[in-house]
Amino acid sequence: MVKTLAARNVRLYDLRAKFGLQRTEAEGIFPEWQENLPELTQTEQQAIDRLKTNYLYLLEYPVLESIVKMVVLSPLLDQAGFYAPPFRVIGELAVKVEAEDEGEVIQGEIDVLVLQEQFWMTVIEAKNSEFSLTKAMSQVLAYMLANPHPEQPTFAAVTNGTEFLFIKLIRGKPPQYSLSSTFSLLNQGNDYYKVLQILKRFGELLQQEPS
């Protein structure tokens, strides 16, 4: 009998034990969040400044996941160009990943998936403002393991509105993942300039891939 485990309950230990997943800090594994980032226009910077002002005002009270998606995530995806061709955005996509020879399936729903044609580009998991990003990492990594095109690296972002973290997964043997720095709206300046630059860079990279 196949056992089903909800992705929201998965731990990093489970992914390591069942899939051999390992974290790597090797230099050069995840340059996409640091190198060749596109410059932002003044209009884009003004939009992200407005995002920060709006969100910090709302943060005076607990911010639910639905508001994080509306106030933070949706404007970033718009500014990154993901609501226009050649991209397509899917919300609440049901996925499952099966551990080999374990008779166990991990399943859940991806909050937001950005695709170009049939290829997964960015998996995004949004949480409420009081949720730790570390608790969401294992959930989004499980979704990344379900990518039907394992020959390509998969990128992901986890956000609770206040913070953003990017993840890259390479499906080798064993599969390995690498993390970016954590970006926070509580820092001086506006860290979300860099978040938008990274999202735009992901879009550029996939459009460079041969079809």
N, C-alpha and C. Protein backbone atom coordinates (compact mmCIF):
# COMPACT_ATOMS: atom_id res chain seq x y z
N MET A 1 0.84 -1.20 0.00
CA MET A 1 0.00 0.00 0.00
C MET A 1 0.88 1.25 0.00
N VAL A 2 0.57 2.19 -0.89
CA VAL A 2 1.35 3.41 -1.01
C VAL A 2 0.96 4.38 0.11
N LYS A 3 1.96 4.90 0.77
CA LYS A 3 1.75 5.88 1.84
C LYS A 3 1.90 7.29 1.27
N THR A 4 0.97 8.18 1.63
CA THR A 4 1.00 9.55 1.13
C THR A 4 1.37 10.51 2.25
N LEU A 5 2.31 11.39 1.96
CA LEU A 5 2.77 12.37 2.94
C LEU A 5 2.54 13.76 2.36
N ALA A 6 1.88 14.63 3.12
CA ALA A 6 1.64 15.99 2.67
C ALA A 6 2.94 16.77 2.64
N ALA A 7 3.17 17.51 1.55
CA ALA A 7 4.42 18.25 1.38
C ALA A 7 4.66 19.22 2.53
N ARG A 8 3.60 19.80 3.07
CA ARG A 8 3.78 20.78 4.16
C ARG A 8 4.34 20.15 5.42
N ASN A 9 4.27 18.82 5.51
CA ASN A 9 4.80 18.12 6.69
C ASN A 9 6.17 17.51 6.46
N VAL A 10 6.71 17.69 5.27
CA VAL A 10 8.01 17.09 4.95
C VAL A 10 9.14 17.85 5.64
N ARG A 11 10.12 17.12 6.13
CA ARG A 11 11.32 17.71 6.72
C ARG A 11 12.50 17.51 5.79
N LEU A 12 13.52 18.34 5.95
CA LEU A 12 14.72 18.16 5.15
C LEU A 12 15.32 16.77 5.36
N TYR A 13 15.19 16.27 6.58
CA TYR A 13 15.68 14.92 6.86
C TYR A 13 14.98 13.89 5.96
N ASP A 14 13.66 14.05 5.78
CA ASP A 14 12.91 13.11 4.93
C ASP A 14 13.43 13.13 3.50
N LEU A 15 13.72 14.32 2.97
CA LEU A 15 14.20 14.43 1.60
C LEU A 15 15.61 13.86 1.46
N ARG A 16 16.42 14.03 2.48
CA ARG A 16 17.75 13.44 2.44
C ARG A 16 17.68 11.91 2.51
N ALA A 17 16.81 11.40 3.38
CA ALA A 17 16.72 9.95 3.57
C ALA A 17 16.09 9.26 2.36
N LYS A 18 15.09 9.89 1.75
CA LYS A 18 14.33 9.22 0.69
C LYS A 18 14.88 9.50 -0.71
N PHE A 19 15.50 10.67 -0.90
CA PHE A 19 15.96 11.05 -2.24
C PHE A 19 17.46 11.33 -2.30
N GLY A 20 18.14 11.26 -1.16
CA GLY A 20 19.56 11.56 -1.13
C GLY A 20 19.88 13.03 -1.31
N LEU A 21 18.88 13.90 -1.10
CA LEU A 21 19.06 15.33 -1.32
C LEU A 21 20.14 15.89 -0.40
N GLN A 22 21.04 16.70 -0.99
CA GLN A 22 22.14 17.29 -0.22
C GLN A 22 22.22 18.79 -0.52
N ARG A 23 22.61 19.55 0.50
CA ARG A 23 22.89 20.96 0.28
C ARG A 23 24.36 21.13 -0.07
N THR A 24 24.63 22.02 -1.02
CA THR A 24 26.00 22.32 -1.38
C THR A 24 26.26 23.81 -1.26
N GLU A 25 27.45 24.16 -0.78
CA GLU A 25 27.89 25.54 -0.74
C GLU A 25 29.08 25.75 -1.66
N ALA A 26 29.25 24.83 -2.60
CA ALA A 26 30.38 24.91 -3.53
C ALA A 26 30.28 26.19 -4.36
N GLU A 27 31.40 26.82 -4.55
CA GLU A 27 31.45 28.06 -5.31
C GLU A 27 31.08 27.80 -6.77
N GLY A 28 30.27 28.66 -7.34
CA GLY A 28 29.91 28.54 -8.74
C GLY A 28 28.70 27.69 -9.02
N ILE A 29 28.09 27.11 -8.00
CA ILE A 29 26.92 26.27 -8.21
C ILE A 29 25.67 27.11 -8.50
N PHE A 30 25.56 28.28 -7.84
CA PHE A 30 24.36 29.10 -7.96
C PHE A 30 24.74 30.55 -8.25
N PRO A 31 25.34 30.80 -9.43
CA PRO A 31 25.75 32.17 -9.75
C PRO A 31 24.58 33.05 -10.18
N GLU A 32 23.43 32.44 -10.48
CA GLU A 32 22.33 33.18 -11.10
C GLU A 32 21.75 34.26 -10.20
N TRP A 33 21.94 34.16 -8.89
CA TRP A 33 21.38 35.19 -8.01
C TRP A 33 22.39 36.32 -7.75
N GLN A 34 23.59 36.21 -8.32
CA GLN A 34 24.65 37.18 -8.05
C GLN A 34 25.22 37.85 -9.29
N GLU A 35 25.24 37.14 -10.41
CA GLU A 35 25.97 37.62 -11.59
C GLU A 35 25.03 38.03 -12.72
N ASN A 36 25.48 39.06 -13.47
CA ASN A 36 24.78 39.51 -14.68
C ASN A 36 23.33 39.88 -14.42
N LEU A 37 23.08 40.51 -13.28
CA LEU A 37 21.71 40.92 -12.96
C LEU A 37 21.35 42.17 -13.76
N PRO A 38 20.13 42.22 -14.31
CA PRO A 38 19.73 43.38 -15.10
C PRO A 38 19.54 44.62 -14.22
N GLU A 39 19.85 45.77 -14.78
CA GLU A 39 19.62 47.03 -14.07
C GLU A 39 18.12 47.32 -14.02
N LEU A 40 17.69 47.94 -12.93
CA LEU A 40 16.28 48.33 -12.80
C LEU A 40 16.09 49.77 -13.27
N THR A 41 14.98 50.02 -13.92
CA THR A 41 14.65 51.38 -14.32
C THR A 41 14.17 52.16 -13.10
N GLN A 42 14.12 53.47 -13.23
CA GLN A 42 13.61 54.29 -12.14
C GLN A 42 12.16 53.95 -11.84
N THR A 43 11.39 53.67 -12.87
CA THR A 43 9.98 53.28 -12.68
C THR A 43 9.87 51.99 -11.89
N GLU A 44 10.74 51.00 -12.19
CA GLU A 44 10.72 49.74 -11.45
C GLU A 44 11.12 49.96 -10.00
N GLN A 45 12.12 50.78 -9.76
CA GLN A 45 12.54 51.07 -8.39
C GLN A 45 11.43 51.75 -7.61
N GLN A 46 10.73 52.67 -8.24
CA GLN A 46 9.62 53.35 -7.57
C GLN A 46 8.50 52.38 -7.21
N ALA A 47 8.24 51.41 -8.11
CA ALA A 47 7.21 50.41 -7.83
C ALA A 47 7.60 49.54 -6.63
N ILE A 48 8.88 49.18 -6.54
CA ILE A 48 9.33 48.34 -5.42
C ILE A 48 9.39 49.15 -4.13
N ASP A 49 9.71 50.44 -4.22
CA ASP A 49 9.64 51.29 -3.03
C ASP A 49 8.21 51.38 -2.50
N ARG A 50 7.26 51.48 -3.40
CA ARG A 50 5.84 51.52 -3.00
C ARG A 50 5.43 50.20 -2.37
N LEU A 51 5.92 49.09 -2.94
CA LEU A 51 5.65 47.77 -2.37
C LEU A 51 6.13 47.72 -0.92
N LYS A 52 7.35 48.19 -0.68
CA LYS A 52 7.90 48.17 0.68
C LYS A 52 7.07 49.02 1.62
N THR A 53 6.71 50.23 1.19
CA THR A 53 5.92 51.11 2.05
C THR A 53 4.58 50.48 2.40
N ASN A 54 3.91 49.92 1.40
CA ASN A 54 2.61 49.30 1.64
C ASN A 54 2.72 48.12 2.59
N TYR A 55 3.73 47.28 2.35
CA TYR A 55 3.83 46.07 3.16
C TYR A 55 4.20 46.38 4.60
N LEU A 56 5.13 47.30 4.81
CA LEU A 56 5.52 47.63 6.18
C LEU A 56 4.36 48.25 6.95
N TYR A 57 3.49 48.98 6.27
CA TYR A 57 2.29 49.49 6.93
C TYR A 57 1.39 48.34 7.34
N LEU A 58 1.17 47.39 6.43
CA LEU A 58 0.30 46.25 6.74
C LEU A 58 0.90 45.36 7.82
N LEU A 59 2.23 45.38 7.96
CA LEU A 59 2.92 44.50 8.90
C LEU A 59 2.67 44.90 10.36
N GLU A 60 2.00 46.02 10.57
CA GLU A 60 1.63 46.38 11.94
C GLU A 60 0.69 45.34 12.55
N TYR A 61 0.06 44.56 11.69
CA TYR A 61 -0.78 43.43 12.11
C TYR A 61 -0.26 42.18 11.39
N PRO A 62 -0.57 40.99 11.88
CA PRO A 62 -0.15 39.78 11.16
C PRO A 62 -0.69 39.79 9.73
N VAL A 63 0.17 39.47 8.78
CA VAL A 63 -0.20 39.48 7.36
C VAL A 63 -0.42 38.04 6.90
N LEU A 64 -1.62 37.74 6.45
CA LEU A 64 -1.96 36.39 6.01
C LEU A 64 -1.31 36.08 4.67
N GLU A 65 -1.23 34.79 4.36
CA GLU A 65 -0.59 34.34 3.13
C GLU A 65 -1.24 34.97 1.90
N SER A 66 -2.55 35.07 1.89
CA SER A 66 -3.25 35.65 0.74
C SER A 66 -2.85 37.10 0.50
N ILE A 67 -2.59 37.85 1.58
CA ILE A 67 -2.17 39.24 1.45
C ILE A 67 -0.72 39.33 0.99
N VAL A 68 0.12 38.40 1.45
CA VAL A 68 1.51 38.34 0.97
C VAL A 68 1.52 38.16 -0.55
N LYS A 69 0.69 37.26 -1.05
CA LYS A 69 0.62 37.03 -2.49
C LYS A 69 0.15 38.28 -3.22
N MET A 70 -0.84 38.96 -2.66
CA MET A 70 -1.43 40.12 -3.32
C MET A 70 -0.51 41.33 -3.30
N VAL A 71 0.05 41.65 -2.14
CA VAL A 71 0.78 42.90 -1.96
C VAL A 71 2.24 42.79 -2.36
N VAL A 72 2.86 41.64 -2.14
CA VAL A 72 4.30 41.48 -2.40
C VAL A 72 4.55 40.68 -3.67
N LEU A 73 4.00 39.48 -3.74
CA LEU A 73 4.37 38.57 -4.82
C LEU A 73 3.83 39.01 -6.17
N SER A 74 2.55 39.38 -6.23
CA SER A 74 1.96 39.74 -7.52
C SER A 74 2.66 40.93 -8.18
N PRO A 75 2.95 42.04 -7.45
CA PRO A 75 3.67 43.14 -8.08
C PRO A 75 5.06 42.75 -8.57
N LEU A 76 5.76 41.89 -7.83
CA LEU A 76 7.09 41.46 -8.26
C LEU A 76 7.02 40.63 -9.55
N LEU A 77 6.05 39.73 -9.62
CA LEU A 77 5.90 38.92 -10.83
C LEU A 77 5.54 39.79 -12.02
N ASP A 78 4.72 40.80 -11.78
CA ASP A 78 4.34 41.73 -12.85
C ASP A 78 5.57 42.49 -13.34
N GLN A 79 6.33 43.08 -12.41
CA GLN A 79 7.52 43.84 -12.79
C GLN A 79 8.57 42.96 -13.47
N ALA A 80 8.61 41.68 -13.11
CA ALA A 80 9.56 40.75 -13.73
C ALA A 80 9.13 40.32 -15.12
N GLY A 81 7.90 40.66 -15.52
CA GLY A 81 7.41 40.33 -16.85
C GLY A 81 6.80 38.96 -16.98
N PHE A 82 6.47 38.31 -15.86
CA PHE A 82 5.99 36.94 -15.92
C PHE A 82 4.50 36.81 -16.25
N TYR A 83 3.80 37.93 -16.37
CA TYR A 83 2.40 37.87 -16.77
C TYR A 83 2.24 38.09 -18.27
N ALA A 84 3.34 38.11 -19.01
CA ALA A 84 3.31 38.36 -20.45
C ALA A 84 4.07 37.26 -21.17
N PRO A 85 3.84 37.09 -22.49
CA PRO A 85 4.59 36.09 -23.25
C PRO A 85 6.09 36.33 -23.12
N PRO A 86 6.91 35.25 -23.11
CA PRO A 86 6.55 33.85 -23.37
C PRO A 86 6.21 33.06 -22.12
N PHE A 87 5.93 33.75 -21.01
CA PHE A 87 5.72 33.05 -19.74
C PHE A 87 4.26 32.76 -19.49
N ARG A 88 4.05 31.83 -18.58
CA ARG A 88 2.70 31.49 -18.13
C ARG A 88 2.77 31.22 -16.63
N VAL A 89 1.80 31.74 -15.90
CA VAL A 89 1.77 31.57 -14.45
C VAL A 89 0.60 30.66 -14.08
N ILE A 90 0.90 29.64 -13.28
CA ILE A 90 -0.13 28.70 -12.80
C ILE A 90 -0.16 28.77 -11.28
N GLY A 91 -1.33 28.84 -10.72
CA GLY A 91 -1.48 28.85 -9.27
C GLY A 91 -2.10 27.58 -8.75
N GLU A 92 -1.66 27.16 -7.56
CA GLU A 92 -2.21 25.98 -6.87
C GLU A 92 -2.19 24.74 -7.75
N LEU A 93 -1.01 24.43 -8.27
CA LEU A 93 -0.83 23.25 -9.11
C LEU A 93 -0.55 22.03 -8.25
N ALA A 94 -1.37 20.99 -8.38
CA ALA A 94 -1.18 19.76 -7.62
C ALA A 94 -0.02 18.97 -8.20
N VAL A 95 0.92 18.57 -7.34
CA VAL A 95 2.08 17.79 -7.78
C VAL A 95 2.34 16.67 -6.78
N LYS A 96 3.06 15.66 -7.24
CA LYS A 96 3.49 14.60 -6.32
C LYS A 96 4.84 14.08 -6.77
N VAL A 97 5.61 13.62 -5.81
CA VAL A 97 6.92 13.04 -6.09
C VAL A 97 7.00 11.73 -5.33
N GLU A 98 7.49 10.70 -6.02
CA GLU A 98 7.51 9.35 -5.43
C GLU A 98 8.94 8.93 -5.15
N ALA A 99 9.17 8.47 -3.95
CA ALA A 99 10.48 7.96 -3.57
C ALA A 99 10.66 6.56 -4.16
N GLU A 100 11.82 6.34 -4.77
CA GLU A 100 12.08 5.04 -5.39
C GLU A 100 12.10 3.93 -4.35
N ASP A 101 11.36 2.88 -4.66
CA ASP A 101 11.35 1.66 -3.84
C ASP A 101 10.90 1.91 -2.40
N GLU A 102 10.23 3.02 -2.17
CA GLU A 102 9.79 3.32 -0.80
C GLU A 102 8.30 3.13 -0.62
N GLY A 103 7.55 3.05 -1.73
CA GLY A 103 6.11 2.94 -1.63
C GLY A 103 5.50 4.15 -0.95
N GLU A 104 6.13 5.31 -1.14
CA GLU A 104 5.66 6.52 -0.49
C GLU A 104 5.61 7.67 -1.48
N VAL A 105 4.56 8.46 -1.40
CA VAL A 105 4.37 9.59 -2.29
C VAL A 105 4.23 10.86 -1.47
N ILE A 106 4.95 11.90 -1.87
CA ILE A 106 4.79 13.23 -1.26
C ILE A 106 3.96 14.06 -2.22
N GLN A 107 2.89 14.65 -1.73
CA GLN A 107 2.07 15.45 -2.62
C GLN A 107 1.62 16.74 -1.94
N GLY A 108 1.33 17.72 -2.78
CA GLY A 108 0.88 19.02 -2.29
C GLY A 108 0.52 19.91 -3.45
N GLU A 109 0.39 21.21 -3.18
CA GLU A 109 0.04 22.17 -4.22
C GLU A 109 1.06 23.30 -4.25
N ILE A 110 1.65 23.52 -5.41
CA ILE A 110 2.56 24.65 -5.58
C ILE A 110 1.74 25.93 -5.59
N ASP A 111 2.16 26.92 -4.79
CA ASP A 111 1.43 28.19 -4.75
C ASP A 111 1.44 28.88 -6.10
N VAL A 112 2.65 29.08 -6.65
CA VAL A 112 2.80 29.75 -7.94
C VAL A 112 3.91 29.05 -8.72
N LEU A 113 3.61 28.73 -9.97
CA LEU A 113 4.61 28.12 -10.85
C LEU A 113 4.69 28.96 -12.12
N VAL A 114 5.90 29.43 -12.45
CA VAL A 114 6.13 30.19 -13.67
C VAL A 114 6.76 29.26 -14.70
N LEU A 115 6.15 29.19 -15.88
CA LEU A 115 6.64 28.31 -16.93
C LEU A 115 6.94 29.11 -18.19
N GLN A 116 7.84 28.56 -19.01
CA GLN A 116 7.99 28.99 -20.39
C GLN A 116 7.72 27.77 -21.24
N GLU A 117 6.67 27.81 -22.03
CA GLU A 117 6.16 26.63 -22.71
C GLU A 117 5.89 25.57 -21.65
N GLN A 118 6.47 24.35 -21.78
CA GLN A 118 6.18 23.32 -20.78
C GLN A 118 7.24 23.26 -19.69
N PHE A 119 8.26 24.11 -19.78
CA PHE A 119 9.38 24.00 -18.85
C PHE A 119 9.15 24.82 -17.59
N TRP A 120 9.38 24.18 -16.45
CA TRP A 120 9.28 24.87 -15.16
C TRP A 120 10.39 25.90 -15.07
N MET A 121 10.05 27.11 -14.68
CA MET A 121 11.07 28.13 -14.51
C MET A 121 11.30 28.45 -13.05
N THR A 122 10.24 28.86 -12.36
CA THR A 122 10.39 29.23 -10.95
C THR A 122 9.21 28.69 -10.15
N VAL A 123 9.51 27.97 -9.08
CA VAL A 123 8.52 27.51 -8.11
C VAL A 123 8.51 28.51 -6.96
N ILE A 124 7.33 29.01 -6.59
CA ILE A 124 7.26 30.01 -5.54
C ILE A 124 6.30 29.55 -4.45
N GLU A 125 6.78 29.59 -3.23
CA GLU A 125 5.96 29.24 -2.06
C GLU A 125 5.83 30.47 -1.19
N ALA A 126 4.59 30.88 -0.92
CA ALA A 126 4.32 32.05 -0.08
C ALA A 126 3.73 31.60 1.25
N LYS A 127 4.16 32.26 2.31
CA LYS A 127 3.66 31.97 3.66
C LYS A 127 3.21 33.26 4.32
N ASN A 128 2.57 33.15 5.48
CA ASN A 128 2.17 34.36 6.19
C ASN A 128 3.38 35.01 6.86
N SER A 129 3.19 36.23 7.34
CA SER A 129 4.32 37.04 7.81
C SER A 129 5.02 36.47 9.03
N GLU A 130 4.36 35.59 9.78
CA GLU A 130 4.95 35.05 11.00
C GLU A 130 5.57 33.67 10.78
N PHE A 131 5.65 33.24 9.51
CA PHE A 131 6.15 31.91 9.18
C PHE A 131 7.63 31.97 8.86
N SER A 132 8.41 31.09 9.43
CA SER A 132 9.86 31.05 9.16
C SER A 132 10.13 30.45 7.78
N LEU A 133 11.03 31.07 7.04
CA LEU A 133 11.37 30.56 5.72
C LEU A 133 11.99 29.17 5.79
N THR A 134 12.71 28.89 6.86
CA THR A 134 13.36 27.58 6.97
C THR A 134 12.34 26.45 7.01
N LYS A 135 11.16 26.72 7.55
CA LYS A 135 10.12 25.69 7.60
C LYS A 135 9.52 25.43 6.23
N ALA A 136 9.62 26.40 5.32
CA ALA A 136 9.05 26.24 3.98
C ALA A 136 10.04 25.64 3.00
N MET A 137 11.33 25.62 3.36
CA MET A 137 12.35 25.14 2.43
C MET A 137 12.12 23.69 2.02
N SER A 138 11.84 22.82 2.98
CA SER A 138 11.66 21.41 2.64
C SER A 138 10.44 21.21 1.75
N GLN A 139 9.38 22.00 1.99
CA GLN A 139 8.17 21.90 1.18
C GLN A 139 8.46 22.26 -0.27
N VAL A 140 9.14 23.37 -0.48
CA VAL A 140 9.39 23.80 -1.86
C VAL A 140 10.42 22.89 -2.53
N LEU A 141 11.37 22.34 -1.78
CA LEU A 141 12.32 21.40 -2.36
C LEU A 141 11.63 20.12 -2.82
N ALA A 142 10.63 19.68 -2.08
CA ALA A 142 9.85 18.51 -2.51
C ALA A 142 9.17 18.79 -3.84
N TYR A 143 8.61 20.00 -3.99
CA TYR A 143 7.99 20.37 -5.26
C TYR A 143 9.01 20.40 -6.39
N MET A 144 10.20 20.92 -6.09
CA MET A 144 11.24 21.01 -7.12
C MET A 144 11.66 19.62 -7.60
N LEU A 145 11.65 18.64 -6.70
CA LEU A 145 11.99 17.28 -7.09
C LEU A 145 10.96 16.68 -8.03
N ALA A 146 9.77 17.28 -8.08
CA ALA A 146 8.70 16.78 -8.95
C ALA A 146 8.78 17.36 -10.36
N ASN A 147 9.74 18.24 -10.64
CA ASN A 147 9.88 18.83 -11.96
C ASN A 147 9.98 17.73 -13.02
N PRO A 148 9.08 17.72 -14.02
CA PRO A 148 9.11 16.65 -15.03
C PRO A 148 10.26 16.78 -16.02
N HIS A 149 11.10 17.81 -15.88
CA HIS A 149 12.24 18.00 -16.78
C HIS A 149 13.52 18.07 -15.94
N PRO A 150 13.95 16.93 -15.39
CA PRO A 150 15.08 16.92 -14.45
C PRO A 150 16.41 17.27 -15.10
N GLU A 151 16.47 17.31 -16.43
CA GLU A 151 17.73 17.64 -17.09
C GLU A 151 18.09 19.12 -16.91
N GLN A 152 17.12 19.93 -16.53
CA GLN A 152 17.36 21.35 -16.32
C GLN A 152 17.35 21.66 -14.82
N PRO A 153 18.18 22.61 -14.37
CA PRO A 153 18.08 23.04 -12.96
C PRO A 153 16.73 23.70 -12.71
N THR A 154 16.25 23.60 -11.50
CA THR A 154 15.01 24.24 -11.11
C THR A 154 15.30 25.34 -10.10
N PHE A 155 14.68 26.50 -10.30
CA PHE A 155 14.83 27.62 -9.38
C PHE A 155 13.55 27.78 -8.58
N ALA A 156 13.70 28.25 -7.35
CA ALA A 156 12.54 28.47 -6.50
C ALA A 156 12.75 29.71 -5.65
N ALA A 157 11.65 30.24 -5.15
CA ALA A 157 11.69 31.35 -4.21
C ALA A 157 10.70 31.06 -3.10
N VAL A 158 11.12 31.38 -1.89
CA VAL A 158 10.25 31.25 -0.71
C VAL A 158 10.14 32.63 -0.08
N THR A 159 8.92 33.05 0.24
CA THR A 159 8.75 34.35 0.86
C THR A 159 7.67 34.31 1.93
N ASN A 160 7.87 35.11 2.97
CA ASN A 160 6.81 35.35 3.95
C ASN A 160 6.39 36.82 3.91
N GLY A 161 6.71 37.47 2.80
CA GLY A 161 6.41 38.88 2.64
C GLY A 161 7.56 39.74 3.11
N THR A 162 8.00 39.53 4.33
CA THR A 162 9.11 40.29 4.89
C THR A 162 10.45 39.86 4.30
N GLU A 163 10.60 38.56 4.05
CA GLU A 163 11.87 38.00 3.58
C GLU A 163 11.68 37.21 2.30
N PHE A 164 12.78 37.11 1.55
CA PHE A 164 12.81 36.30 0.32
C PHE A 164 14.08 35.46 0.34
N LEU A 165 13.96 34.20 -0.09
CA LEU A 165 15.10 33.29 -0.22
C LEU A 165 14.96 32.55 -1.54
N PHE A 166 16.07 32.47 -2.30
CA PHE A 166 16.07 31.75 -3.57
C PHE A 166 16.81 30.42 -3.42
N ILE A 167 16.36 29.43 -4.17
CA ILE A 167 16.92 28.08 -4.12
C ILE A 167 17.15 27.58 -5.54
N LYS A 168 18.27 26.89 -5.75
CA LYS A 168 18.53 26.22 -7.01
C LYS A 168 18.71 24.73 -6.75
N LEU A 169 18.02 23.90 -7.52
CA LEU A 169 18.13 22.44 -7.39
C LEU A 169 18.69 21.86 -8.67
N ILE A 170 19.71 21.01 -8.53
CA ILE A 170 20.29 20.28 -9.65
C ILE A 170 20.02 18.81 -9.43
N ARG A 171 19.33 18.19 -10.38
CA ARG A 171 18.91 16.80 -10.22
C ARG A 171 19.99 15.83 -10.68
N GLY A 172 21.07 15.77 -9.93
CA GLY A 172 22.09 14.78 -10.21
C GLY A 172 21.91 13.57 -9.31
N LYS A 173 22.96 12.80 -9.17
CA LYS A 173 22.95 11.66 -8.26
C LYS A 173 24.11 11.83 -7.29
N PRO A 174 23.87 12.41 -6.12
CA PRO A 174 22.56 12.75 -5.57
C PRO A 174 22.09 14.13 -6.03
N PRO A 175 20.80 14.43 -5.88
CA PRO A 175 20.33 15.80 -6.15
C PRO A 175 20.92 16.76 -5.13
N GLN A 176 21.26 17.98 -5.59
CA GLN A 176 21.87 18.97 -4.71
C GLN A 176 21.13 20.30 -4.84
N TYR A 177 21.10 21.02 -3.72
CA TYR A 177 20.49 22.35 -3.77
C TYR A 177 21.43 23.36 -3.13
N SER A 178 21.27 24.61 -3.57
CA SER A 178 22.08 25.71 -3.06
C SER A 178 21.16 26.89 -2.77
N LEU A 179 21.53 27.69 -1.78
CA LEU A 179 20.70 28.81 -1.33
C LEU A 179 21.36 30.14 -1.61
N SER A 180 20.51 31.15 -1.83
CA SER A 180 20.99 32.52 -1.92
C SER A 180 21.09 33.11 -0.51
N SER A 181 21.51 34.35 -0.44
CA SER A 181 21.34 35.09 0.81
C SER A 181 19.85 35.34 1.04
N THR A 182 19.50 35.71 2.25
CA THR A 182 18.12 36.07 2.56
C THR A 182 17.96 37.59 2.43
N PHE A 183 16.94 38.00 1.71
CA PHE A 183 16.66 39.42 1.50
C PHE A 183 15.48 39.83 2.37
N SER A 184 15.58 40.99 3.02
CA SER A 184 14.56 41.39 3.98
C SER A 184 14.15 42.84 3.78
N LEU A 185 12.85 43.10 3.86
CA LEU A 185 12.33 44.46 3.81
C LEU A 185 12.63 45.23 5.08
N LEU A 186 13.12 44.57 6.12
CA LEU A 186 13.46 45.25 7.37
C LEU A 186 14.87 45.82 7.34
N ASN A 187 15.65 45.45 6.32
CA ASN A 187 17.00 46.00 6.19
C ASN A 187 16.95 47.44 5.69
N GLN A 188 18.06 48.15 5.88
CA GLN A 188 18.18 49.49 5.33
C GLN A 188 18.12 49.43 3.81
N GLY A 189 17.62 50.51 3.20
CA GLY A 189 17.48 50.51 1.76
C GLY A 189 16.30 49.65 1.37
N ASN A 190 16.40 49.02 0.22
CA ASN A 190 15.31 48.15 -0.24
C ASN A 190 15.91 46.89 -0.87
N ASP A 191 15.97 45.83 -0.09
CA ASP A 191 16.51 44.55 -0.55
C ASP A 191 15.73 43.98 -1.73
N TYR A 192 14.49 44.42 -1.89
CA TYR A 192 13.66 43.82 -2.93
C TYR A 192 14.00 44.34 -4.33
N TYR A 193 14.87 45.37 -4.42
CA TYR A 193 15.45 45.66 -5.72
C TYR A 193 16.18 44.41 -6.23
N LYS A 194 16.98 43.82 -5.36
CA LYS A 194 17.76 42.63 -5.74
C LYS A 194 16.83 41.45 -6.04
N VAL A 195 15.76 41.32 -5.28
CA VAL A 195 14.79 40.25 -5.54
C VAL A 195 14.24 40.37 -6.96
N LEU A 196 13.84 41.57 -7.34
CA LEU A 196 13.30 41.77 -8.69
C LEU A 196 14.38 41.51 -9.74
N GLN A 197 15.60 41.95 -9.49
CA GLN A 197 16.68 41.69 -10.44
C GLN A 197 16.90 40.19 -10.64
N ILE A 198 16.84 39.43 -9.56
CA ILE A 198 17.05 37.99 -9.66
C ILE A 198 15.91 37.33 -10.44
N LEU A 199 14.68 37.72 -10.15
CA LEU A 199 13.54 37.17 -10.89
C LEU A 199 13.66 37.48 -12.38
N LYS A 200 14.05 38.71 -12.71
CA LYS A 200 14.22 39.07 -14.12
C LYS A 200 15.36 38.26 -14.74
N ARG A 201 16.41 38.01 -13.98
CA ARG A 201 17.53 37.21 -14.48
C ARG A 201 17.09 35.78 -14.77
N PHE A 202 16.27 35.19 -13.90
CA PHE A 202 15.75 33.85 -14.16
C PHE A 202 15.01 33.83 -15.49
N GLY A 203 14.21 34.86 -15.74
CA GLY A 203 13.47 34.93 -17.00
C GLY A 203 14.39 35.00 -18.20
N GLU A 204 15.45 35.79 -18.09
CA GLU A 204 16.42 35.89 -19.18
C GLU A 204 17.09 34.55 -19.46
N LEU A 205 17.45 33.84 -18.41
CA LEU A 205 18.18 32.59 -18.57
C LEU A 205 17.35 31.55 -19.30
N LEU A 206 16.09 31.43 -18.94
CA LEU A 206 15.28 30.40 -19.57
C LEU A 206 15.03 30.72 -21.03
N GLN A 207 14.90 32.00 -21.36
CA GLN A 207 14.68 32.36 -22.76
C GLN A 207 15.92 32.11 -23.60
N GLN A 208 17.07 31.98 -22.94
CA GLN A 208 18.31 31.67 -23.67
C GLN A 208 18.46 30.18 -23.94
N GLU A 209 17.66 29.37 -23.20
CA GLU A 209 17.79 27.92 -23.34
C GLU A 209 17.25 27.48 -24.70
N PRO A 210 17.90 26.51 -25.36
CA PRO A 210 17.37 26.00 -26.62
C PRO A 210 16.07 25.28 -26.38
N SER A 211 15.10 25.45 -27.29
CA SER A 211 13.79 24.79 -27.15
C SER A 211 13.86 23.35 -27.62
